[in-house]
Amino acid sequence: MANEKQKYIFRGDRSGVFYGELLERNGQEVTIGNCRRLWYWDGANSLSDVATIGTMRPENCKFTIAVESLTILDCIEVIPCTEKAIAVINGVEAWTRS
């Protein structure tokens, strides 16, 4: 991961859970780059698990396609991801319309 930016899990108070790169932060306002919404995950007990080990059941997860950037106004938690978790999360097929 030498040339890649650090990835994080961001939890909003009401906006949901997101995965991506921290581009900018001003209090609870956070702009996330290469951002995916983590709508549903299976095979992890908590967001700490997702950020540390990923998910044990990636085929059951609902992670959206990535958008270039997204700003949330209610960030209450930022968790750095390990290389292991990044590999697992990046490997989850995008959840889109069929």
PDB file of N, CA and C in Angstrom:
ATOM      1  N   MET A   1       0.824  -1.189   0.000  1.00  0.00           N
ATOM      2  CA  MET A   1       0.000   0.000   0.000  1.00  0.00           C
ATOM      3  C   MET A   1       0.870   1.255   0.000  1.00  0.00           C
ATOM      4  N   ALA A   2       2.082   1.144  -0.412  1.00  0.00           N
ATOM      5  CA  ALA A   2       3.034   2.244  -0.321  1.00  0.00           C
ATOM      6  C   ALA A   2       2.595   3.493  -1.076  1.00  0.00           C
ATOM      7  N   ASN A   3       2.023   3.351  -2.268  1.00  0.00           N
ATOM      8  CA  ASN A   3       1.640   4.506  -3.065  1.00  0.00           C
ATOM      9  C   ASN A   3       0.168   4.862  -2.960  1.00  0.00           C
ATOM     10  N   GLU A   4      -0.576   4.160  -2.148  1.00  0.00           N
ATOM     11  CA  GLU A   4      -2.000   4.428  -1.989  1.00  0.00           C
ATOM     12  C   GLU A   4      -2.243   5.280  -0.756  1.00  0.00           C
ATOM     13  N   LYS A   5      -3.334   6.051  -0.797  1.00  0.00           N
ATOM     14  CA  LYS A   5      -3.730   6.822   0.369  1.00  0.00           C
ATOM     15  C   LYS A   5      -4.357   5.897   1.400  1.00  0.00           C
ATOM     16  N   GLN A   6      -4.227   6.276   2.660  1.00  0.00           N
ATOM     17  CA  GLN A   6      -4.847   5.519   3.745  1.00  0.00           C
ATOM     18  C   GLN A   6      -6.361   5.491   3.540  1.00  0.00           C
ATOM     19  N   LYS A   7      -6.958   4.356   3.801  1.00  0.00           N
ATOM     20  CA  LYS A   7      -8.407   4.194   3.710  1.00  0.00           C
ATOM     21  C   LYS A   7      -8.998   4.166   5.121  1.00  0.00           C
ATOM     22  N   TYR A   8     -10.243   4.634   5.219  1.00  0.00           N
ATOM     23  CA  TYR A   8     -10.933   4.716   6.499  1.00  0.00           C
ATOM     24  C   TYR A   8     -12.379   4.263   6.359  1.00  0.00           C
ATOM     25  N   ILE A   9     -12.962   3.883   7.487  1.00  0.00           N
ATOM     26  CA  ILE A   9     -14.407   3.713   7.617  1.00  0.00           C
ATOM     27  C   ILE A   9     -14.893   4.973   8.331  1.00  0.00           C
ATOM     28  N   PHE A  10     -15.916   5.612   7.759  1.00  0.00           N
ATOM     29  CA  PHE A  10     -16.510   6.814   8.337  1.00  0.00           C
ATOM     30  C   PHE A  10     -17.940   6.488   8.733  1.00  0.00           C
ATOM     31  N   ARG A  11     -18.295   6.820   9.965  1.00  0.00           N
ATOM     32  CA  ARG A  11     -19.675   6.598  10.407  1.00  0.00           C
ATOM     33  C   ARG A  11     -20.324   7.938  10.655  1.00  0.00           C
ATOM     34  N   GLY A  12     -21.428   8.162   9.952  1.00  0.00           N
ATOM     35  CA  GLY A  12     -22.205   9.374  10.163  1.00  0.00           C
ATOM     36  C   GLY A  12     -23.285   9.123  11.193  1.00  0.00           C
ATOM     37  N   ASP A  13     -23.681  10.168  11.889  1.00  0.00           N
ATOM     38  CA  ASP A  13     -24.727  10.043  12.893  1.00  0.00           C
ATOM     39  C   ASP A  13     -26.046   9.611  12.266  1.00  0.00           C
ATOM     40  N   ARG A  14     -26.357  10.180  11.101  1.00  0.00           N
ATOM     41  CA  ARG A  14     -27.598   9.834  10.408  1.00  0.00           C
ATOM     42  C   ARG A  14     -27.388   9.468   8.950  1.00  0.00           C
ATOM     43  N   SER A  15     -26.252   9.816   8.396  1.00  0.00           N
ATOM     44  CA  SER A  15     -26.026   9.612   6.958  1.00  0.00           C
ATOM     45  C   SER A  15     -25.611   8.196   6.593  1.00  0.00           C
ATOM     46  N   GLY A  16     -25.095   7.427   7.522  1.00  0.00           N
ATOM     47  CA  GLY A  16     -24.705   6.056   7.239  1.00  0.00           C
ATOM     48  C   GLY A  16     -23.224   5.802   7.430  1.00  0.00           C
ATOM     49  N   VAL A  17     -22.758   4.752   6.765  1.00  0.00           N
ATOM     50  CA  VAL A  17     -21.371   4.304   6.899  1.00  0.00           C
ATOM     51  C   VAL A  17     -20.720   4.340   5.524  1.00  0.00           C
ATOM     52  N   PHE A  18     -19.482   4.830   5.475  1.00  0.00           N
ATOM     53  CA  PHE A  18     -18.772   5.026   4.220  1.00  0.00           C
ATOM     54  C   PHE A  18     -17.344   4.513   4.343  1.00  0.00           C
ATOM     55  N   TYR A  19     -16.744   4.222   3.191  1.00  0.00           N
ATOM     56  CA  TYR A  19     -15.362   3.738   3.108  1.00  0.00           C
ATOM     57  C   TYR A  19     -14.652   4.563   2.044  1.00  0.00           C
ATOM     58  N   GLY A  20     -13.472   5.039   2.348  1.00  0.00           N
ATOM     59  CA  GLY A  20     -12.708   5.778   1.346  1.00  0.00           C
ATOM     60  C   GLY A  20     -11.529   6.510   1.961  1.00  0.00           C
ATOM     61  N   GLU A  21     -11.087   7.542   1.252  1.00  0.00           N
ATOM     62  CA  GLU A  21      -9.916   8.328   1.649  1.00  0.00           C
ATOM     63  C   GLU A  21     -10.369   9.651   2.259  1.00  0.00           C
ATOM     64  N   LEU A  22      -9.732  10.059   3.325  1.00  0.00           N
ATOM     65  CA  LEU A  22     -10.035  11.336   3.952  1.00  0.00           C
ATOM     66  C   LEU A  22      -9.411  12.450   3.112  1.00  0.00           C
ATOM     67  N   LEU A  23     -10.256  13.277   2.500  1.00  0.00           N
ATOM     68  CA  LEU A  23      -9.761  14.398   1.704  1.00  0.00           C
ATOM     69  C   LEU A  23      -9.718  15.682   2.509  1.00  0.00           C
ATOM     70  N   GLU A  24     -10.750  15.874   3.348  1.00  0.00           N
ATOM     71  CA  GLU A  24     -10.841  17.108   4.118  1.00  0.00           C
ATOM     72  C   GLU A  24     -11.744  16.890   5.317  1.00  0.00           C
ATOM     73  N   ARG A  25     -11.400  17.551   6.418  1.00  0.00           N
ATOM     74  CA  ARG A  25     -12.239  17.455   7.618  1.00  0.00           C
ATOM     75  C   ARG A  25     -12.321  18.811   8.282  1.00  0.00           C
ATOM     76  N   ASN A  26     -13.534  19.185   8.653  1.00  0.00           N
ATOM     77  CA  ASN A  26     -13.779  20.415   9.395  1.00  0.00           C
ATOM     78  C   ASN A  26     -14.862  20.092  10.418  1.00  0.00           C
ATOM     79  N   GLY A  27     -14.450  19.751  11.633  1.00  0.00           N
ATOM     80  CA  GLY A  27     -15.399  19.306  12.639  1.00  0.00           C
ATOM     81  C   GLY A  27     -16.047  18.007  12.189  1.00  0.00           C
ATOM     82  N   GLN A  28     -17.379  17.984  12.139  1.00  0.00           N
ATOM     83  CA  GLN A  28     -18.091  16.779  11.707  1.00  0.00           C
ATOM     84  C   GLN A  28     -18.283  16.718  10.197  1.00  0.00           C
ATOM     85  N   GLU A  29     -17.895  17.761   9.494  1.00  0.00           N
ATOM     86  CA  GLU A  29     -17.994  17.761   8.034  1.00  0.00           C
ATOM     87  C   GLU A  29     -16.751  17.090   7.461  1.00  0.00           C
ATOM     88  N   VAL A  30     -16.971  16.012   6.712  1.00  0.00           N
ATOM     89  CA  VAL A  30     -15.859  15.225   6.172  1.00  0.00           C
ATOM     90  C   VAL A  30     -16.087  14.992   4.682  1.00  0.00           C
ATOM     91  N   THR A  31     -15.057  15.268   3.892  1.00  0.00           N
ATOM     92  CA  THR A  31     -15.109  14.959   2.470  1.00  0.00           C
ATOM     93  C   THR A  31     -14.271  13.708   2.242  1.00  0.00           C
ATOM     94  N   ILE A  32     -14.903  12.729   1.596  1.00  0.00           N
ATOM     95  CA  ILE A  32     -14.314  11.403   1.399  1.00  0.00           C
ATOM     96  C   ILE A  32     -14.060  11.200  -0.087  1.00  0.00           C
ATOM     97  N   GLY A  33     -12.868  10.746  -0.438  1.00  0.00           N
ATOM     98  CA  GLY A  33     -12.525  10.452  -1.829  1.00  0.00           C
ATOM     99  C   GLY A  33     -12.655   8.970  -2.119  1.00  0.00           C
ATOM    100  N   ASN A  34     -12.937   8.638  -3.395  1.00  0.00           N
ATOM    101  CA  ASN A  34     -13.104   7.237  -3.805  1.00  0.00           C
ATOM    102  C   ASN A  34     -14.015   6.520  -2.807  1.00  0.00           C
ATOM    103  N   CYS A  35     -15.182   7.077  -2.634  1.00  0.00           N
ATOM    104  CA  CYS A  35     -16.084   6.723  -1.537  1.00  0.00           C
ATOM    105  C   CYS A  35     -17.112   5.671  -1.935  1.00  0.00           C
ATOM    106  N   ARG A  36     -17.235   4.666  -1.082  1.00  0.00           N
ATOM    107  CA  ARG A  36     -18.294   3.653  -1.205  1.00  0.00           C
ATOM    108  C   ARG A  36     -19.155   3.708   0.045  1.00  0.00           C
ATOM    109  N   ARG A  37     -20.462   3.606  -0.135  1.00  0.00           N
ATOM    110  CA  ARG A  37     -21.388   3.506   0.997  1.00  0.00           C
ATOM    111  C   ARG A  37     -21.457   2.027   1.394  1.00  0.00           C
ATOM    112  N   LEU A  38     -21.291   1.758   2.680  1.00  0.00           N
ATOM    113  CA  LEU A  38     -21.406   0.396   3.197  1.00  0.00           C
ATOM    114  C   LEU A  38     -22.831   0.253   3.731  1.00  0.00           C
ATOM    115  N   TRP A  39     -23.713  -0.193   2.868  1.00  0.00           N
ATOM    116  CA  TRP A  39     -25.135  -0.258   3.186  1.00  0.00           C
ATOM    117  C   TRP A  39     -25.446  -1.408   4.144  1.00  0.00           C
ATOM    118  N   TYR A  40     -24.805  -2.554   3.925  1.00  0.00           N
ATOM    119  CA  TYR A  40     -25.038  -3.740   4.745  1.00  0.00           C
ATOM    120  C   TYR A  40     -23.785  -4.594   4.713  1.00  0.00           C
ATOM    121  N   TRP A  41     -23.405  -5.133   5.848  1.00  0.00           N
ATOM    122  CA  TRP A  41     -22.276  -6.057   5.885  1.00  0.00           C
ATOM    123  C   TRP A  41     -22.658  -7.287   6.686  1.00  0.00           C
ATOM    124  N   ASP A  42     -22.049  -8.399   6.320  1.00  0.00           N
ATOM    125  CA  ASP A  42     -22.279  -9.678   6.976  1.00  0.00           C
ATOM    126  C   ASP A  42     -20.909 -10.283   7.238  1.00  0.00           C
ATOM    127  N   GLY A  43     -20.764 -10.975   8.341  1.00  0.00           N
ATOM    128  CA  GLY A  43     -19.491 -11.618   8.634  1.00  0.00           C
ATOM    129  C   GLY A  43     -18.530 -10.734   9.404  1.00  0.00           C
ATOM    130  N   ALA A  44     -19.060  -9.687  10.060  1.00  0.00           N
ATOM    131  CA  ALA A  44     -18.276  -8.833  10.946  1.00  0.00           C
ATOM    132  C   ALA A  44     -19.206  -8.357  12.055  1.00  0.00           C
ATOM    133  N   ASN A  45     -18.705  -8.311  13.267  1.00  0.00           N
ATOM    134  CA  ASN A  45     -19.541  -7.937  14.403  1.00  0.00           C
ATOM    135  C   ASN A  45     -19.740  -6.436  14.552  1.00  0.00           C
ATOM    136  N   SER A  46     -18.781  -5.660  14.063  1.00  0.00           N
ATOM    137  CA  SER A  46     -18.827  -4.219  14.274  1.00  0.00           C
ATOM    138  C   SER A  46     -18.027  -3.527  13.176  1.00  0.00           C
ATOM    139  N   LEU A  47     -18.113  -2.209  13.151  1.00  0.00           N
ATOM    140  CA  LEU A  47     -17.299  -1.457  12.195  1.00  0.00           C
ATOM    141  C   LEU A  47     -15.812  -1.586  12.512  1.00  0.00           C
ATOM    142  N   SER A  48     -15.490  -1.787  13.768  1.00  0.00           N
ATOM    143  CA  SER A  48     -14.081  -2.031  14.125  1.00  0.00           C
ATOM    144  C   SER A  48     -13.585  -3.297  13.448  1.00  0.00           C
ATOM    145  N   ASP A  49     -14.424  -4.337  13.410  1.00  0.00           N
ATOM    146  CA  ASP A  49     -14.066  -5.574  12.697  1.00  0.00           C
ATOM    147  C   ASP A  49     -13.895  -5.303  11.206  1.00  0.00           C
ATOM    148  N   VAL A  50     -14.841  -4.573  10.617  1.00  0.00           N
ATOM    149  CA  VAL A  50     -14.760  -4.284   9.184  1.00  0.00           C
ATOM    150  C   VAL A  50     -13.461  -3.558   8.870  1.00  0.00           C
ATOM    151  N   ALA A  51     -13.074  -2.592   9.694  1.00  0.00           N
ATOM    152  CA  ALA A  51     -11.855  -1.812   9.459  1.00  0.00           C
ATOM    153  C   ALA A  51     -10.575  -2.597   9.737  1.00  0.00           C
ATOM    154  N   THR A  52     -10.675  -3.622  10.568  1.00  0.00           N
ATOM    155  CA  THR A  52      -9.484  -4.393  10.954  1.00  0.00           C
ATOM    156  C   THR A  52      -9.293  -5.650  10.113  1.00  0.00           C
ATOM    157  N   ILE A  53     -10.374  -6.432   9.928  1.00  0.00           N
ATOM    158  CA  ILE A  53     -10.245  -7.705   9.207  1.00  0.00           C
ATOM    159  C   ILE A  53     -11.126  -7.796   7.975  1.00  0.00           C
ATOM    160  N   GLY A  54     -11.987  -6.800   7.767  1.00  0.00           N
ATOM    161  CA  GLY A  54     -12.915  -6.872   6.641  1.00  0.00           C
ATOM    162  C   GLY A  54     -14.133  -7.676   7.050  1.00  0.00           C
ATOM    163  N   THR A  55     -14.673  -8.425   6.134  1.00  0.00           N
ATOM    164  CA  THR A  55     -15.845  -9.244   6.399  1.00  0.00           C
ATOM    165  C   THR A  55     -15.558 -10.687   6.007  1.00  0.00           C
ATOM    166  N   MET A  56     -16.131 -11.599   6.744  1.00  0.00           N
ATOM    167  CA  MET A  56     -15.936 -13.022   6.443  1.00  0.00           C
ATOM    168  C   MET A  56     -16.902 -13.516   5.368  1.00  0.00           C
ATOM    169  N   ARG A  57     -17.908 -12.703   5.024  1.00  0.00           N
ATOM    170  CA  ARG A  57     -18.905 -13.093   4.022  1.00  0.00           C
ATOM    171  C   ARG A  57     -19.101 -11.975   2.995  1.00  0.00           C
ATOM    172  N   PRO A  58     -18.084 -11.676   2.220  1.00  0.00           N
ATOM    173  CA  PRO A  58     -18.189 -10.563   1.275  1.00  0.00           C
ATOM    174  C   PRO A  58     -19.299 -10.743   0.244  1.00  0.00           C
ATOM    175  N   GLU A  59     -19.663 -11.976  -0.047  1.00  0.00           N
ATOM    176  CA  GLU A  59     -20.722 -12.225  -1.033  1.00  0.00           C
ATOM    177  C   GLU A  59     -22.086 -11.772  -0.533  1.00  0.00           C
ATOM    178  N   ASN A  60     -22.241 -11.583   0.762  1.00  0.00           N
ATOM    179  CA  ASN A  60     -23.513 -11.145   1.330  1.00  0.00           C
ATOM    180  C   ASN A  60     -23.572  -9.644   1.599  1.00  0.00           C
ATOM    181  N   CYS A  61     -22.485  -8.927   1.333  1.00  0.00           N
ATOM    182  CA  CYS A  61     -22.415  -7.504   1.650  1.00  0.00           C
ATOM    183  C   CYS A  61     -23.040  -6.650   0.555  1.00  0.00           C
ATOM    184  N   LYS A  62     -23.513  -5.479   0.956  1.00  0.00           N
ATOM    185  CA  LYS A  62     -24.068  -4.506   0.023  1.00  0.00           C
ATOM    186  C   LYS A  62     -23.262  -3.217   0.147  1.00  0.00           C
ATOM    187  N   PHE A  63     -22.208  -3.133  -0.677  1.00  0.00           N
ATOM    188  CA  PHE A  63     -21.346  -1.959  -0.744  1.00  0.00           C
ATOM    189  C   PHE A  63     -21.550  -1.347  -2.128  1.00  0.00           C
ATOM    190  N   THR A  64     -21.845  -0.068  -2.190  1.00  0.00           N
ATOM    191  CA  THR A  64     -22.152   0.576  -3.462  1.00  0.00           C
ATOM    192  C   THR A  64     -20.909   0.748  -4.340  1.00  0.00           C
ATOM    193  N   ILE A  65     -21.155   1.216  -5.557  1.00  0.00           N
ATOM    194  CA  ILE A  65     -20.052   1.608  -6.420  1.00  0.00           C
ATOM    195  C   ILE A  65     -19.366   2.830  -5.805  1.00  0.00           C
ATOM    196  N   ALA A  66     -18.147   3.092  -6.215  1.00  0.00           N
ATOM    197  CA  ALA A  66     -17.405   4.237  -5.682  1.00  0.00           C
ATOM    198  C   ALA A  66     -17.771   5.509  -6.437  1.00  0.00           C
ATOM    199  N   VAL A  67     -17.860   6.596  -5.698  1.00  0.00           N
ATOM    200  CA  VAL A  67     -17.993   7.918  -6.302  1.00  0.00           C
ATOM    201  C   VAL A  67     -16.701   8.671  -6.036  1.00  0.00           C
ATOM    202  N   GLU A  68     -16.393   9.619  -6.911  1.00  0.00           N
ATOM    203  CA  GLU A  68     -15.126  10.350  -6.814  1.00  0.00           C
ATOM    204  C   GLU A  68     -14.967  11.040  -5.462  1.00  0.00           C
ATOM    205  N   SER A  69     -16.023  11.703  -5.011  1.00  0.00           N
ATOM    206  CA  SER A  69     -15.981  12.316  -3.685  1.00  0.00           C
ATOM    207  C   SER A  69     -17.392  12.482  -3.155  1.00  0.00           C
ATOM    208  N   LEU A  70     -17.476  12.593  -1.846  1.00  0.00           N
ATOM    209  CA  LEU A  70     -18.754  12.734  -1.162  1.00  0.00           C
ATOM    210  C   LEU A  70     -18.480  13.458   0.145  1.00  0.00           C
ATOM    211  N   THR A  71     -19.356  14.366   0.521  1.00  0.00           N
ATOM    212  CA  THR A  71     -19.210  15.084   1.785  1.00  0.00           C
ATOM    213  C   THR A  71     -20.371  14.732   2.694  1.00  0.00           C
ATOM    214  N   ILE A  72     -20.044  14.328   3.916  1.00  0.00           N
ATOM    215  CA  ILE A  72     -21.084  14.117   4.922  1.00  0.00           C
ATOM    216  C   ILE A  72     -20.916  15.203   5.984  1.00  0.00           C
ATOM    217  N   LEU A  73     -22.007  15.575   6.608  1.00  0.00           N
ATOM    218  CA  LEU A  73     -22.006  16.683   7.554  1.00  0.00           C
ATOM    219  C   LEU A  73     -22.108  16.230   9.004  1.00  0.00           C
ATOM    220  N   ASP A  74     -22.166  14.905   9.210  1.00  0.00           N
ATOM    221  CA  ASP A  74     -22.444  14.383  10.551  1.00  0.00           C
ATOM    222  C   ASP A  74     -21.504  13.265  10.982  1.00  0.00           C
ATOM    223  N   CYS A  75     -20.239  13.361  10.625  1.00  0.00           N
ATOM    224  CA  CYS A  75     -19.292  12.287  10.933  1.00  0.00           C
ATOM    225  C   CYS A  75     -19.033  12.217  12.445  1.00  0.00           C
ATOM    226  N   ILE A  76     -19.241  11.025  13.001  1.00  0.00           N
ATOM    227  CA  ILE A  76     -19.012  10.847  14.434  1.00  0.00           C
ATOM    228  C   ILE A  76     -17.926   9.814  14.737  1.00  0.00           C
ATOM    229  N   GLU A  77     -17.427   9.150  13.680  1.00  0.00           N
ATOM    230  CA  GLU A  77     -16.387   8.143  13.906  1.00  0.00           C
ATOM    231  C   GLU A  77     -15.561   7.984  12.632  1.00  0.00           C
ATOM    232  N   VAL A  78     -14.233   7.925  12.789  1.00  0.00           N
ATOM    233  CA  VAL A  78     -13.311   7.688  11.683  1.00  0.00           C
ATOM    234  C   VAL A  78     -12.364   6.577  12.133  1.00  0.00           C
ATOM    235  N   ILE A  79     -12.388   5.447  11.411  1.00  0.00           N
ATOM    236  CA  ILE A  79     -11.584   4.287  11.804  1.00  0.00           C
ATOM    237  C   ILE A  79     -10.613   3.958  10.675  1.00  0.00           C
ATOM    238  N   PRO A  80      -9.300   3.993  10.920  1.00  0.00           N
ATOM    239  CA  PRO A  80      -8.349   3.616   9.875  1.00  0.00           C
ATOM    240  C   PRO A  80      -8.459   2.133   9.550  1.00  0.00           C
ATOM    241  N   CYS A  81      -8.325   1.797   8.277  1.00  0.00           N
ATOM    242  CA  CYS A  81      -8.402   0.405   7.827  1.00  0.00           C
ATOM    243  C   CYS A  81      -7.014  -0.205   7.712  1.00  0.00           C
ATOM    244  N   THR A  82      -6.926  -1.476   8.025  1.00  0.00           N
ATOM    245  CA  THR A  82      -5.681  -2.220   7.831  1.00  0.00           C
ATOM    246  C   THR A  82      -5.584  -2.641   6.363  1.00  0.00           C
ATOM    247  N   GLU A  83      -4.401  -3.055   5.960  1.00  0.00           N
ATOM    248  CA  GLU A  83      -4.216  -3.551   4.592  1.00  0.00           C
ATOM    249  C   GLU A  83      -5.101  -4.764   4.325  1.00  0.00           C
ATOM    250  N   LYS A  84      -5.245  -5.628   5.322  1.00  0.00           N
ATOM    251  CA  LYS A  84      -6.097  -6.814   5.176  1.00  0.00           C
ATOM    252  C   LYS A  84      -7.544  -6.400   4.906  1.00  0.00           C
ATOM    253  N   ALA A  85      -8.059  -5.471   5.697  1.00  0.00           N
ATOM    254  CA  ALA A  85      -9.435  -5.014   5.522  1.00  0.00           C
ATOM    255  C   ALA A  85      -9.622  -4.328   4.169  1.00  0.00           C
ATOM    256  N   ILE A  86      -8.652  -3.535   3.758  1.00  0.00           N
ATOM    257  CA  ILE A  86      -8.720  -2.843   2.462  1.00  0.00           C
ATOM    258  C   ILE A  86      -8.852  -3.851   1.332  1.00  0.00           C
ATOM    259  N   ALA A  87      -8.060  -4.903   1.381  1.00  0.00           N
ATOM    260  CA  ALA A  87      -8.120  -5.936   0.335  1.00  0.00           C
ATOM    261  C   ALA A  87      -9.499  -6.592   0.304  1.00  0.00           C
ATOM    262  N   VAL A  88     -10.056  -6.886   1.470  1.00  0.00           N
ATOM    263  CA  VAL A  88     -11.366  -7.530   1.532  1.00  0.00           C
ATOM    264  C   VAL A  88     -12.451  -6.577   1.027  1.00  0.00           C
ATOM    265  N   ILE A  89     -12.462  -5.351   1.534  1.00  0.00           N
ATOM    266  CA  ILE A  89     -13.492  -4.381   1.139  1.00  0.00           C
ATOM    267  C   ILE A  89     -13.420  -4.090  -0.357  1.00  0.00           C
ATOM    268  N   ASN A  90     -12.215  -3.893  -0.873  1.00  0.00           N
ATOM    269  CA  ASN A  90     -12.062  -3.626  -2.310  1.00  0.00           C
ATOM    270  C   ASN A  90     -12.517  -4.815  -3.154  1.00  0.00           C
ATOM    271  N   GLY A  91     -12.474  -5.999  -2.566  1.00  0.00           N
ATOM    272  CA  GLY A  91     -12.893  -7.200  -3.290  1.00  0.00           C
ATOM    273  C   GLY A  91     -14.395  -7.452  -3.292  1.00  0.00           C
ATOM    274  N   VAL A  92     -15.139  -6.697  -2.504  1.00  0.00           N
ATOM    275  CA  VAL A  92     -16.599  -6.862  -2.468  1.00  0.00           C
ATOM    276  C   VAL A  92     -17.182  -6.287  -3.757  1.00  0.00           C
ATOM    277  N   GLU A  93     -17.938  -7.121  -4.461  1.00  0.00           N
ATOM    278  CA  GLU A  93     -18.563  -6.687  -5.707  1.00  0.00           C
ATOM    279  C   GLU A  93     -19.545  -5.561  -5.432  1.00  0.00           C
ATOM    280  N   ALA A  94     -19.540  -4.560  -6.313  1.00  0.00           N
ATOM    281  CA  ALA A  94     -20.419  -3.403  -6.138  1.00  0.00           C
ATOM    282  C   ALA A  94     -21.881  -3.824  -6.188  1.00  0.00           C
ATOM    283  N   TRP A  95     -22.633  -3.318  -5.241  1.00  0.00           N
ATOM    284  CA  TRP A  95     -24.069  -3.577  -5.147  1.00  0.00           C
ATOM    285  C   TRP A  95     -24.783  -2.537  -5.994  1.00  0.00           C
ATOM    286  N   THR A  96     -25.328  -2.955  -7.111  1.00  0.00           N
ATOM    287  CA  THR A  96     -26.010  -2.057  -8.032  1.00  0.00           C
ATOM    288  C   THR A  96     -27.311  -2.679  -8.499  1.00  0.00           C
ATOM    289  N   ARG A  97     -28.057  -1.925  -9.254  1.00  0.00           N
ATOM    290  CA  ARG A  97     -29.291  -2.458  -9.830  1.00  0.00           C
ATOM    291  C   ARG A  97     -28.950  -3.626 -10.749  1.00  0.00           C
ATOM    292  N   SER A  98     -29.828  -4.578 -10.794  1.00  0.00           N
ATOM    293  CA  SER A  98     -29.634  -5.742 -11.676  1.00  0.00           C
ATOM    294  C   SER A  98     -30.262  -5.499 -13.017  1.00  0.00           C
TER     295      SER A  98
END
